[in-house]
Amino acid sequence: MIDAVWVDNLIRVLECESRLYDQILEEAEKKTDVIVKGDISSLQETTLREQKIINELEKLNNAREQIVAQIARKTGKKPEELTVSVLAELFPGDKANKLKSIRDNLMETIGKLKARNDANQKLIQNAIEYINFSLNLIMQPVPQTTQYGSKGPEKQIGSRTVLDIKY
C-alpha cells in the first residue's frame, strides 16, 4: 500500500505545477501583445518573468520525480511506467479523481500554451522578415544615372545606396 503522504505530496506538487503553467500561459498572452506593439523592453521583461516561472517548474519537476520514484519502489514498478492513469488505479477513489482532474487541467493549459507559443513564434518570424525586407530595400543600390559634364559629353555616375556608404 502506498503511503497517503506520498499521494498527497504528489497531488500538491501537480497542483503547483498546474498553477505555474497557468502563469506561463498568462505571460505568453502578454507576450503576444508586446510583440504586436514591438515593445522590445517589455518583451525582455516578459521573457525574464517566464524564465523565473520555468525555473520554479524545474524544481517542482524534480520533486515530482522523487515522489514518483518513492511510489515506484513501494509498488515494485519502474518510475517511467507510472503514468497518471496507472497511478489513478493505485490510489483511493477521491485521490484518483483529483489526480485525473489535475492531469486534464495540465493537458488543457499546455495545449493552449503550445498554440500561443506557436503564434508568438510566427509573429516574431514575420517581424524579422519585415525588418530584413526593409533593410534590403534601404541598402539596395539606386540605378546609375547619366549626367552631362561641363563640356557636354555624358558621364555615368556610379550607383549609390539610400544610405550612401562607401565600401
Foldseek 3Di string as FASTA:
>chain_A
DDDVVLLVLLLVLLVLLLVLLVVLLVLLVVLVVCLVVVPVVVNVVSVVVNVVSVVVNVVSVVVNLVSLCVVCVVVVHDSVVDDLVNVLVVDPPVSNVSSVVSVVSSVVSVVSSVVSVVVSVVSVVVVVVVVVVVVCQQAPWDDWDWDADPVGDIDIDDTAGNVRDDD
